[in-house]
Amino acid sequence: MMPTVSELLGDHVSLSISSVDRLYINAYVRTLQTPWQLIKFMRDHLGKPIPSLSLVNQLRLRFVSDVKTFAARHRIPLVSFRRGERKDEVAARHRARYRSAHGVVFIGVAQERTMAFKTTKGNHISRQPVFVNHYYFYVHDRQWGPAFLKVCAYAPYAGKLCLNGHDWAKQQLLHDTAQAAFCEESQQEAEAEPKADGTSFGCLCRRSVRSHRERCPA
């Protein structure tokens, strides 16, 4: 019987860990999902009795201006993604030059499809598919390491937070200098089996991920 791929690789694996891969958290404003909710927002929150998307556009312009001001004040690169460009590759280049322990690495701008509010014939407001600018805030976090937050500048202001469980496990190890030193050493020596005393890289990763799962609600 021909052996499986896992059986063939079984004797050649020097390190194996279990961890959560990419974790996406969608963000949305619950009370801004329908045209009537948008009208109520303009009337009650903005204090405008006559609804008009020009009011929402003013909020968009203010948001864009605030982002540019924030980037300039903190000397954060503001990058426009080109069509067909891989965002992960652009992020990797900027992260390679980033030297701070934590903070915003760069801000990316990309035109993408989303469901936003538009005015139709008869001056009615409805949600329609449109291509509008989204802002990507690429950060390096103390706990999670590389991550990004995507925000749509148009109502209803959808967002998405992207985290990575593997990077989270690495950050937990790097919090302890001794563990970080062992992490580098164990990777270089490629230990075949994790030790039961909890000092191996694999054991530390499993313990880190397990503790995270225990803290997170189901």
C-alpha atoms as a PDB file:
ATOM      1  CA  MET A   1       0.000   0.000   0.000  1.00  0.00           C
ATOM      2  CA  MET A   2       1.387   3.406  -0.988  1.00  0.00           C
ATOM      3  CA  PRO A   3       2.098   5.650   2.052  1.00  0.00           C
ATOM      4  CA  THR A   4       0.240   8.936   2.458  1.00  0.00           C
ATOM      5  CA  VAL A   5       1.885  12.357   2.324  1.00  0.00           C
ATOM      6  CA  SER A   6       1.595  12.761   6.088  1.00  0.00           C
ATOM      7  CA  GLU A   7       3.267   9.378   6.608  1.00  0.00           C
ATOM      8  CA  LEU A   8       6.113  10.305   4.267  1.00  0.00           C
ATOM      9  CA  LEU A   9       6.678  13.600   6.046  1.00  0.00           C
ATOM     10  CA  GLY A  10       6.216  12.171   9.531  1.00  0.00           C
ATOM     11  CA  ASP A  11       9.891  11.337  10.024  1.00  0.00           C
ATOM     12  CA  HIS A  12      11.080  14.659   8.590  1.00  0.00           C
ATOM     13  CA  VAL A  13       9.043  17.155  10.598  1.00  0.00           C
ATOM     14  CA  SER A  14      11.283  18.953  13.072  1.00  0.00           C
ATOM     15  CA  LEU A  15       8.648  21.199  14.597  1.00  0.00           C
ATOM     16  CA  SER A  16       4.866  21.049  14.641  1.00  0.00           C
ATOM     17  CA  ILE A  17       2.483  23.413  16.422  1.00  0.00           C
ATOM     18  CA  SER A  18      -1.270  23.982  16.468  1.00  0.00           C
ATOM     19  CA  SER A  19      -2.592  27.529  16.299  1.00  0.00           C
ATOM     20  CA  VAL A  20      -5.452  29.652  15.034  1.00  0.00           C
ATOM     21  CA  ASP A  21      -4.710  30.978  11.548  1.00  0.00           C
ATOM     22  CA  ARG A  22      -6.166  34.255  10.299  1.00  0.00           C
ATOM     23  CA  LEU A  23      -8.982  35.650  12.384  1.00  0.00           C
ATOM     24  CA  TYR A  24     -11.386  38.148  10.787  1.00  0.00           C
ATOM     25  CA  ILE A  25     -13.689  40.296  12.909  1.00  0.00           C
ATOM     26  CA  ASN A  26     -16.337  42.236  10.985  1.00  0.00           C
ATOM     27  CA  ALA A  27     -17.440  45.607  12.366  1.00  0.00           C
ATOM     28  CA  TYR A  28     -20.602  47.475  11.495  1.00  0.00           C
ATOM     29  CA  VAL A  29     -22.933  50.153  12.869  1.00  0.00           C
ATOM     30  CA  ARG A  30     -26.101  48.249  13.746  1.00  0.00           C
ATOM     31  CA  THR A  31     -28.346  51.310  13.477  1.00  0.00           C
ATOM     32  CA  LEU A  32     -27.076  52.340  10.027  1.00  0.00           C
ATOM     33  CA  GLN A  33     -28.063  49.374   7.895  1.00  0.00           C
ATOM     34  CA  THR A  34     -31.221  50.648   6.171  1.00  0.00           C
ATOM     35  CA  PRO A  35     -32.167  53.922   4.420  1.00  0.00           C
ATOM     36  CA  TRP A  36     -34.650  54.743   7.185  1.00  0.00           C
ATOM     37  CA  GLN A  37     -31.948  54.298   9.809  1.00  0.00           C
ATOM     38  CA  LEU A  38     -29.666  56.626   7.845  1.00  0.00           C
ATOM     39  CA  ILE A  39     -32.417  59.253   7.660  1.00  0.00           C
ATOM     40  CA  LYS A  40     -32.971  58.941  11.414  1.00  0.00           C
ATOM     41  CA  PHE A  41     -29.218  59.343  11.957  1.00  0.00           C
ATOM     42  CA  MET A  42     -29.159  62.549   9.917  1.00  0.00           C
ATOM     43  CA  ARG A  43     -32.200  63.913  11.711  1.00  0.00           C
ATOM     44  CA  ASP A  44     -31.436  62.903  15.306  1.00  0.00           C
ATOM     45  CA  HIS A  45     -27.622  62.824  15.394  1.00  0.00           C
ATOM     46  CA  LEU A  46     -26.703  65.475  12.838  1.00  0.00           C
ATOM     47  CA  GLY A  47     -29.723  67.664  13.601  1.00  0.00           C
ATOM     48  CA  LYS A  48     -30.740  67.974   9.943  1.00  0.00           C
ATOM     49  CA  PRO A  49     -34.511  67.635   9.336  1.00  0.00           C
ATOM     50  CA  ILE A  50     -34.096  67.326   5.558  1.00  0.00           C
ATOM     51  CA  PRO A  51     -32.098  64.171   4.695  1.00  0.00           C
ATOM     52  CA  SER A  52     -29.424  64.506   2.035  1.00  0.00           C
ATOM     53  CA  LEU A  53     -26.399  62.369   1.182  1.00  0.00           C
ATOM     54  CA  SER A  54     -24.385  65.572   0.927  1.00  0.00           C
ATOM     55  CA  LEU A  55     -24.419  65.552   4.740  1.00  0.00           C
ATOM     56  CA  VAL A  56     -22.898  62.071   4.752  1.00  0.00           C
ATOM     57  CA  ASN A  57     -20.336  63.186   2.181  1.00  0.00           C
ATOM     58  CA  GLN A  58     -19.227  65.944   4.552  1.00  0.00           C
ATOM     59  CA  LEU A  59     -18.523  63.277   7.174  1.00  0.00           C
ATOM     60  CA  ARG A  60     -16.505  61.308   4.617  1.00  0.00           C
ATOM     61  CA  LEU A  61     -14.412  64.350   3.714  1.00  0.00           C
ATOM     62  CA  ARG A  62     -13.767  65.065   7.393  1.00  0.00           C
ATOM     63  CA  PHE A  63     -12.701  61.452   7.980  1.00  0.00           C
ATOM     64  CA  VAL A  64     -10.311  61.527   4.998  1.00  0.00           C
ATOM     65  CA  SER A  65      -8.863  64.837   6.191  1.00  0.00           C
ATOM     66  CA  ASP A  66      -8.365  63.463   9.716  1.00  0.00           C
ATOM     67  CA  VAL A  67      -6.594  60.382   8.355  1.00  0.00           C
ATOM     68  CA  LYS A  68      -4.205  62.525   6.288  1.00  0.00           C
ATOM     69  CA  THR A  69      -3.544  64.807   9.259  1.00  0.00           C
ATOM     70  CA  PHE A  70      -2.868  61.829  11.526  1.00  0.00           C
ATOM     71  CA  ALA A  71      -0.483  60.296   8.980  1.00  0.00           C
ATOM     72  CA  ALA A  72       1.412  63.558   8.483  1.00  0.00           C
ATOM     73  CA  ARG A  73       1.646  64.320  12.205  1.00  0.00           C
ATOM     74  CA  HIS A  74       3.124  60.906  13.034  1.00  0.00           C
ATOM     75  CA  ARG A  75       5.092  60.515   9.782  1.00  0.00           C
ATOM     76  CA  ILE A  76       3.154  57.432   8.767  1.00  0.00           C
ATOM     77  CA  PRO A  77       3.350  56.497   5.068  1.00  0.00           C
ATOM     78  CA  LEU A  78       0.046  56.934   3.211  1.00  0.00           C
ATOM     79  CA  VAL A  79       0.031  54.495   0.292  1.00  0.00           C
ATOM     80  CA  SER A  80      -2.455  54.154  -2.571  1.00  0.00           C
ATOM     81  CA  PHE A  81      -2.710  50.514  -3.650  1.00  0.00           C
ATOM     82  CA  ARG A  82      -2.526  50.042  -7.404  1.00  0.00           C
ATOM     83  CA  ARG A  83      -5.039  47.880  -9.197  1.00  0.00           C
ATOM     84  CA  GLY A  84      -3.981  44.232  -9.101  1.00  0.00           C
ATOM     85  CA  GLU A  85      -1.264  44.895  -6.514  1.00  0.00           C
ATOM     86  CA  ARG A  86      -0.940  42.329  -3.712  1.00  0.00           C
ATOM     87  CA  LYS A  87      -1.519  44.136  -0.433  1.00  0.00           C
ATOM     88  CA  ASP A  88       0.393  41.537   1.599  1.00  0.00           C
ATOM     89  CA  GLU A  89       3.530  42.149  -0.479  1.00  0.00           C
ATOM     90  CA  VAL A  90       3.267  45.917  -0.004  1.00  0.00           C
ATOM     91  CA  ALA A  91       2.726  45.401   3.731  1.00  0.00           C
ATOM     92  CA  ALA A  92       5.750  43.091   3.958  1.00  0.00           C
ATOM     93  CA  ARG A  93       8.027  45.765   2.465  1.00  0.00           C
ATOM     94  CA  HIS A  94       6.813  48.412   4.899  1.00  0.00           C
ATOM     95  CA  ARG A  95       6.970  46.065   7.883  1.00  0.00           C
ATOM     96  CA  ALA A  96      10.582  45.191   7.020  1.00  0.00           C
ATOM     97  CA  ARG A  97      11.504  48.879   7.456  1.00  0.00           C
ATOM     98  CA  TYR A  98       9.450  49.397  10.627  1.00  0.00           C
ATOM     99  CA  ARG A  99      11.565  49.713  13.783  1.00  0.00           C
ATOM    100  CA  SER A 100       9.147  50.685  16.576  1.00  0.00           C
ATOM    101  CA  ALA A 101       7.931  48.158  19.147  1.00  0.00           C
ATOM    102  CA  HIS A 102       4.301  48.892  18.282  1.00  0.00           C
ATOM    103  CA  GLY A 103       2.191  51.375  16.353  1.00  0.00           C
ATOM    104  CA  VAL A 104       0.819  52.114  12.887  1.00  0.00           C
ATOM    105  CA  VAL A 105       3.209  50.860  10.197  1.00  0.00           C
ATOM    106  CA  PHE A 106       1.462  52.518   7.243  1.00  0.00           C
ATOM    107  CA  ILE A 107      -2.007  53.404   5.937  1.00  0.00           C
ATOM    108  CA  GLY A 108      -3.164  51.970   2.631  1.00  0.00           C
ATOM    109  CA  VAL A 109      -5.982  53.239   0.416  1.00  0.00           C
ATOM    110  CA  ALA A 110      -7.780  50.938  -2.018  1.00  0.00           C
ATOM    111  CA  GLN A 111     -10.916  51.330  -4.098  1.00  0.00           C
ATOM    112  CA  GLU A 112     -13.112  48.288  -3.469  1.00  0.00           C
ATOM    113  CA  ARG A 113     -16.672  47.156  -3.956  1.00  0.00           C
ATOM    114  CA  THR A 114     -19.116  47.530  -1.081  1.00  0.00           C
ATOM    115  CA  MET A 115     -22.782  48.190  -0.355  1.00  0.00           C
ATOM    116  CA  ALA A 116     -23.202  51.894   0.350  1.00  0.00           C
ATOM    117  CA  PHE A 117     -26.004  54.439   0.291  1.00  0.00           C
ATOM    118  CA  LYS A 118     -26.797  56.250  -2.966  1.00  0.00           C
ATOM    119  CA  THR A 119     -29.574  58.499  -4.206  1.00  0.00           C
ATOM    120  CA  THR A 120     -31.770  56.958  -6.911  1.00  0.00           C
ATOM    121  CA  LYS A 121     -34.277  58.499  -9.294  1.00  0.00           C
ATOM    122  CA  GLY A 122     -36.963  60.381  -7.431  1.00  0.00           C
ATOM    123  CA  ASN A 123     -34.398  61.417  -4.790  1.00  0.00           C
ATOM    124  CA  HIS A 124     -34.808  58.134  -2.879  1.00  0.00           C
ATOM    125  CA  ILE A 125     -31.961  56.729  -0.780  1.00  0.00           C
ATOM    126  CA  SER A 126     -31.060  53.065  -1.164  1.00  0.00           C
ATOM    127  CA  ARG A 127     -28.105  50.742  -0.626  1.00  0.00           C
ATOM    128  CA  GLN A 128     -26.352  49.784  -3.835  1.00  0.00           C
ATOM    129  CA  PRO A 129     -23.047  48.164  -4.849  1.00  0.00           C
ATOM    130  CA  VAL A 130     -20.427  50.864  -5.404  1.00  0.00           C
ATOM    131  CA  PHE A 131     -16.644  51.096  -5.729  1.00  0.00           C
ATOM    132  CA  VAL A 132     -15.333  53.450  -3.046  1.00  0.00           C
ATOM    133  CA  ASN A 133     -12.168  54.051  -1.060  1.00  0.00           C
ATOM    134  CA  HIS A 134     -11.326  51.820   1.896  1.00  0.00           C
ATOM    135  CA  TYR A 135      -8.592  52.683   4.379  1.00  0.00           C
ATOM    136  CA  TYR A 136      -6.252  49.963   5.674  1.00  0.00           C
ATOM    137  CA  PHE A 137      -4.466  50.707   8.941  1.00  0.00           C
ATOM    138  CA  TYR A 138      -1.550  48.270   9.115  1.00  0.00           C
ATOM    139  CA  VAL A 139      -0.270  48.043  12.680  1.00  0.00           C
ATOM    140  CA  HIS A 140       2.177  46.156  14.828  1.00  0.00           C
ATOM    141  CA  ASP A 141       0.541  45.285  18.145  1.00  0.00           C
ATOM    142  CA  ARG A 142       2.294  44.287  21.369  1.00  0.00           C
ATOM    143  CA  GLN A 143       0.050  41.254  21.836  1.00  0.00           C
ATOM    144  CA  TRP A 144      -0.903  40.282  18.269  1.00  0.00           C
ATOM    145  CA  GLY A 145       2.047  41.437  16.208  1.00  0.00           C
ATOM    146  CA  PRO A 146       1.186  42.249  12.543  1.00  0.00           C
ATOM    147  CA  ALA A 147      -2.492  43.104  12.005  1.00  0.00           C
ATOM    148  CA  PHE A 148      -4.668  45.488  10.043  1.00  0.00           C
ATOM    149  CA  LEU A 149      -7.983  47.313  10.360  1.00  0.00           C
ATOM    150  CA  LYS A 150      -9.963  48.109   7.198  1.00  0.00           C
ATOM    151  CA  VAL A 151     -12.520  50.941   7.325  1.00  0.00           C
ATOM    152  CA  CYS A 152     -14.869  52.114   4.591  1.00  0.00           C
ATOM    153  CA  ALA A 153     -15.096  55.899   4.403  1.00  0.00           C
ATOM    154  CA  TYR A 154     -18.674  55.749   3.112  1.00  0.00           C
ATOM    155  CA  ALA A 155     -21.862  55.083   5.082  1.00  0.00           C
ATOM    156  CA  PRO A 156     -22.698  52.661   6.627  1.00  0.00           C
ATOM    157  CA  TYR A 157     -18.962  52.552   7.547  1.00  0.00           C
ATOM    158  CA  ALA A 158     -18.241  48.825   7.471  1.00  0.00           C
ATOM    159  CA  GLY A 159     -14.964  47.651   8.968  1.00  0.00           C
ATOM    160  CA  LYS A 160     -12.873  44.520   9.292  1.00  0.00           C
ATOM    161  CA  LEU A 161     -10.095  43.606  11.735  1.00  0.00           C
ATOM    162  CA  CYS A 162      -7.587  40.956  10.652  1.00  0.00           C
ATOM    163  CA  LEU A 163      -5.476  39.118  13.252  1.00  0.00           C
ATOM    164  CA  ASN A 164      -3.222  36.057  13.062  1.00  0.00           C
ATOM    165  CA  GLY A 165      -2.996  33.360  15.712  1.00  0.00           C
ATOM    166  CA  HIS A 166       0.517  32.296  14.710  1.00  0.00           C
ATOM    167  CA  ASP A 167       1.801  35.833  15.161  1.00  0.00           C
ATOM    168  CA  TRP A 168      -0.028  36.032  18.482  1.00  0.00           C
ATOM    169  CA  ALA A 169       1.864  32.954  19.706  1.00  0.00           C
ATOM    170  CA  LYS A 170       5.187  34.475  18.607  1.00  0.00           C
ATOM    171  CA  GLN A 171       4.446  37.702  20.470  1.00  0.00           C
ATOM    172  CA  GLN A 172       3.740  35.807  23.693  1.00  0.00           C
ATOM    173  CA  LEU A 173       7.166  34.195  23.449  1.00  0.00           C
ATOM    174  CA  LEU A 174       8.882  37.494  22.698  1.00  0.00           C
ATOM    175  CA  HIS A 175       7.451  39.056  25.865  1.00  0.00           C
ATOM    176  CA  ASP A 176       9.921  36.941  27.822  1.00  0.00           C
ATOM    177  CA  THR A 177      13.556  37.523  26.853  1.00  0.00           C
ATOM    178  CA  ALA A 178      14.666  34.046  27.958  1.00  0.00           C
ATOM    179  CA  GLN A 179      11.887  32.369  26.003  1.00  0.00           C
ATOM    180  CA  ALA A 180      12.640  34.494  22.942  1.00  0.00           C
ATOM    181  CA  ALA A 181      16.291  33.428  23.063  1.00  0.00           C
ATOM    182  CA  PHE A 182      15.278  29.794  23.317  1.00  0.00           C
ATOM    183  CA  CYS A 183      12.796  30.260  20.474  1.00  0.00           C
ATOM    184  CA  GLU A 184      15.574  31.375  18.143  1.00  0.00           C
ATOM    185  CA  GLU A 185      17.923  28.625  19.317  1.00  0.00           C
ATOM    186  CA  SER A 186      15.322  25.866  18.974  1.00  0.00           C
ATOM    187  CA  GLN A 187      14.445  26.988  15.458  1.00  0.00           C
ATOM    188  CA  GLN A 188      18.093  26.872  14.432  1.00  0.00           C
ATOM    189  CA  GLU A 189      18.710  23.460  15.925  1.00  0.00           C
ATOM    190  CA  ALA A 190      15.312  22.136  14.688  1.00  0.00           C
ATOM    191  CA  GLU A 191      14.577  19.947  17.677  1.00  0.00           C
ATOM    192  CA  ALA A 192      12.609  16.891  16.679  1.00  0.00           C
ATOM    193  CA  GLU A 193      10.462  16.489  19.799  1.00  0.00           C
ATOM    194  CA  PRO A 194       9.113  19.038  22.302  1.00  0.00           C
ATOM    195  CA  LYS A 195      10.273  18.413  25.855  1.00  0.00           C
ATOM    196  CA  ALA A 196       7.817  17.667  28.617  1.00  0.00           C
ATOM    197  CA  ASP A 197       9.322  20.289  30.951  1.00  0.00           C
ATOM    198  CA  GLY A 198       7.803  23.106  28.872  1.00  0.00           C
ATOM    199  CA  THR A 199      11.097  24.606  27.647  1.00  0.00           C
ATOM    200  CA  SER A 200      10.802  23.754  23.951  1.00  0.00           C
ATOM    201  CA  PHE A 201       9.508  26.103  21.306  1.00  0.00           C
ATOM    202  CA  GLY A 202       6.648  23.798  20.348  1.00  0.00           C
ATOM    203  CA  CYS A 203       5.499  23.377  23.936  1.00  0.00           C
ATOM    204  CA  LEU A 204       5.619  27.119  24.535  1.00  0.00           C
ATOM    205  CA  CYS A 205       3.498  27.777  21.451  1.00  0.00           C
ATOM    206  CA  ARG A 206       0.904  25.202  22.460  1.00  0.00           C
ATOM    207  CA  ARG A 207       0.755  26.626  25.964  1.00  0.00           C
ATOM    208  CA  SER A 208       0.364  30.178  24.618  1.00  0.00           C
ATOM    209  CA  VAL A 209      -2.433  29.285  22.218  1.00  0.00           C
ATOM    210  CA  ARG A 210      -4.197  27.186  24.861  1.00  0.00           C
ATOM    211  CA  SER A 211      -4.153  30.051  27.360  1.00  0.00           C
ATOM    212  CA  HIS A 212      -5.577  32.393  24.709  1.00  0.00           C
ATOM    213  CA  ARG A 213      -8.415  29.983  23.938  1.00  0.00           C
ATOM    214  CA  GLU A 214      -9.229  29.693  27.622  1.00  0.00           C
ATOM    215  CA  ARG A 215      -9.508  33.481  27.928  1.00  0.00           C
ATOM    216  CA  CYS A 216     -11.713  33.883  24.870  1.00  0.00           C
ATOM    217  CA  PRO A 217     -15.459  33.213  25.241  1.00  0.00           C
ATOM    218  CA  ALA A 218     -16.917  30.483  23.026  1.00  0.00           C
END
